[in-house]
Protein backbone atom coordinates (compact mmCIF):
# COMPACT_ATOMS: atom_id res chain seq x y z
CA MET A 1 161.40 150.93 134.21
CA LYS A 2 160.21 154.03 136.02
CA LYS A 3 157.98 154.93 133.05
CA VAL A 4 156.41 151.47 133.04
CA VAL A 5 155.60 151.66 136.76
CA THR A 6 154.17 155.15 136.34
CA PHE A 7 152.05 154.00 133.39
CA LEU A 8 150.73 151.00 135.32
CA PHE A 9 149.92 153.16 138.33
CA LEU A 10 148.03 155.70 136.22
CA SER A 11 146.15 152.92 134.40
CA VAL A 12 145.03 151.36 137.67
CA PHE A 13 144.14 154.77 139.09
CA ALA A 14 142.08 155.70 136.00
CA THR A 15 140.26 152.35 136.14
CA GLY A 16 139.43 153.01 139.79
CA ILE A 17 137.96 156.40 138.90
CA ILE A 18 135.78 154.89 136.16
CA PHE A 19 134.44 152.17 138.47
CA SER A 20 133.85 154.80 141.15
CA GLN A 21 131.79 156.89 138.73
CA GLU A 22 129.74 153.83 137.75
CA ALA A 23 129.14 152.98 141.41
CA GLN A 24 128.05 156.55 142.17
CA PHE A 25 125.70 156.49 139.18
CA LEU A 26 124.11 153.20 140.31
CA ASP A 27 123.86 154.43 143.91
CA GLY A 28 122.03 157.50 142.65
CA ILE A 29 119.55 155.34 140.74
CA LEU A 30 118.99 153.03 143.72
CA SER A 31 118.46 155.89 146.15
CA ALA A 32 116.00 157.76 143.91
CA GLY A 33 112.29 157.41 144.63
CA THR A 34 111.55 157.21 140.92
CA VAL A 35 113.90 156.86 137.96
CA LYS A 36 114.02 159.88 135.67
CA TRP A 37 114.30 159.55 131.91
CA SER A 38 117.91 160.70 131.69
CA ASP A 39 119.02 158.00 134.17
CA ALA A 40 116.92 155.29 132.50
CA VAL A 41 118.34 156.13 129.08
CA THR A 42 121.93 156.14 130.37
CA LEU A 43 121.45 152.87 132.25
CA VAL A 44 119.77 150.96 129.43
CA LEU A 45 121.96 152.24 126.58
CA SER A 46 125.03 151.44 128.64
CA ALA A 47 123.81 147.89 129.30
CA ALA A 48 122.98 147.48 125.60
CA ASP A 49 126.55 148.53 124.66
CA ARG A 50 125.27 151.52 122.71
CA LEU A 51 127.52 153.99 124.54
CA PRO A 52 131.24 154.45 124.00
CA GLU A 53 133.40 153.09 126.83
CA ASP A 54 134.37 156.58 128.00
CA ALA A 55 130.73 157.68 128.26
CA ILE A 56 129.17 154.86 130.28
CA THR A 57 127.72 157.29 132.83
CA ASP A 58 127.52 160.39 130.60
CA GLU A 59 123.83 161.37 130.59
CA ASN A 60 124.29 164.01 127.89
CA GLN A 61 125.90 161.67 125.39
CA ALA A 62 123.36 158.95 126.15
CA TRP A 63 120.51 161.42 125.65
CA LYS A 64 121.92 162.53 122.27
CA ILE A 65 121.97 158.90 121.10
CA PHE A 66 118.44 158.43 122.43
CA GLU A 67 117.20 161.51 120.57
CA LYS A 68 118.73 160.29 117.29
CA GLU A 69 116.99 156.91 117.57
CA ASN A 70 113.56 158.57 117.53
CA TRP A 71 111.85 155.63 119.26
CA PHE A 72 109.12 157.71 120.89
CA LYS A 73 106.66 159.89 118.99
CA LYS A 74 107.07 162.64 121.58
CA LEU A 75 110.47 162.99 123.24
CA PRO A 76 110.05 162.85 127.03
CA GLU A 77 111.53 165.43 129.38
CA LYS A 78 114.84 164.37 130.95
CA GLN A 79 113.65 164.93 134.53
CA GLN A 80 110.25 163.27 134.07
CA PRO A 81 109.75 159.90 135.83
CA VAL A 82 109.57 156.76 133.67
CA SER A 83 106.64 154.35 133.75
CA THR A 84 107.11 150.58 133.63
CA ALA A 85 105.62 150.43 130.11
CA GLU A 86 107.95 153.17 128.83
CA TYR A 87 110.95 151.50 130.45
CA SER A 88 109.94 148.19 128.85
CA TYR A 89 109.81 149.88 125.45
CA LEU A 90 113.19 151.52 126.00
CA ILE A 91 114.70 148.11 126.81
CA ALA A 92 113.02 146.39 123.85
CA LYS A 93 114.22 149.05 121.42
CA SER A 94 117.74 149.34 122.88
CA PHE A 95 118.37 145.63 122.66
CA GLY A 96 116.54 145.17 119.35
CA MET A 97 114.16 142.62 120.83
CA LYS A 98 111.93 140.76 118.45
CA GLY A 99 108.48 140.48 119.89
CA GLY A 100 105.30 138.58 119.36
CA ILE A 101 102.73 139.43 116.73
CA TRP A 102 101.25 142.45 118.52
CA TYR A 103 104.61 144.04 119.33
CA SER A 104 105.81 143.36 115.78
CA LEU A 105 102.72 145.00 114.28
CA PHE A 106 102.37 147.84 116.78
CA PRO A 107 105.70 148.56 118.49
CA SER A 108 104.75 150.72 121.45
CA PRO A 109 105.23 150.88 125.23
CA ARG A 110 101.97 148.95 125.72
CA TYR A 111 103.03 145.95 123.65
CA ALA A 112 106.65 146.09 124.83
CA PHE A 113 105.32 145.82 128.39
CA ARG A 114 103.20 142.83 127.41
CA GLU A 115 106.16 141.19 125.65
CA LEU A 116 108.47 141.59 128.65
CA GLU A 117 105.69 140.38 130.93
CA PHE A 118 105.21 137.29 128.73
CA ARG A 119 108.96 136.56 128.80
CA GLY A 120 108.96 136.74 132.61
CA ILE A 121 111.27 139.76 132.67
CA LEU A 122 108.93 141.98 134.69
CA PRO A 123 108.10 141.34 138.35
CA ALA A 124 104.75 139.66 138.97
CA ALA A 125 101.67 141.89 139.14
CA THR A 126 103.43 144.92 137.67
CA ASP A 127 101.27 147.84 136.55
CA PRO A 128 102.35 149.40 133.22
CA GLY A 129 101.52 152.92 134.44
CA THR A 130 103.51 152.74 137.68
CA LYS A 131 106.48 155.08 137.85
CA ILE A 132 109.51 152.85 138.22
CA ASP A 133 111.95 153.01 141.15
CA GLY A 134 115.67 152.32 140.99
CA SER A 135 115.75 148.78 142.37
CA THR A 136 112.92 147.70 140.07
CA ALA A 137 114.67 149.28 137.07
CA LEU A 138 117.86 147.35 137.81
CA TYR A 139 115.88 144.14 138.46
CA ILE A 140 114.08 144.41 135.11
CA LEU A 141 117.29 145.25 133.26
CA GLN A 142 119.09 142.27 134.82
CA ASN A 143 116.20 139.97 133.88
CA ALA A 144 116.27 141.32 130.32
CA LEU A 145 120.02 140.68 130.05
CA ASP A 146 119.58 137.16 131.43
CA ASN A 147 116.70 136.50 129.04
CA LEU A 148 118.66 137.74 126.03
CA SER A 149 121.79 135.78 126.93
CA ALA A 150 119.69 132.62 127.37
CA ALA A 151 118.03 133.24 124.00
CA HIS A 152 121.42 133.71 122.29
CA SER A 153 122.89 130.59 123.88
CA GLY A 154 119.87 128.51 122.94
CA GLY A 155 118.59 128.36 126.51
CA LYS A 156 121.77 126.68 127.77
CA SER A 157 123.50 128.06 130.82
């Protein structure tokens, strides 16, 4: 019985640590003036279930997966800020979004931005070249998740 109680206590304690790390990671994104590439990659790949459970906030493991995907012609610097168009492309690629004719023919940040704008995922009057802040990044990601879940459920809530 003592072993069972100890196991349950350690399980609950470990779960608390994981949620604490996730909360700290999200707080860091929200408090940042602009979102850097390493945070954007970790956030989006985590939301797209492309990271192992034990690496949800592990920037290094997320970056390795991002490098292997080879979505961008030139790999950005980890500490460089992300533009709205680049973030849109990262989301589209991470979730395997099918786009309209232009995005299908020319998959790029420009057409990913236009596709997300068309789907109503981006905030109104968003500039593709603007460096994205934390609250906007989370807002766009939440809208993308909502849009994808609605598409998979046939538009039914």
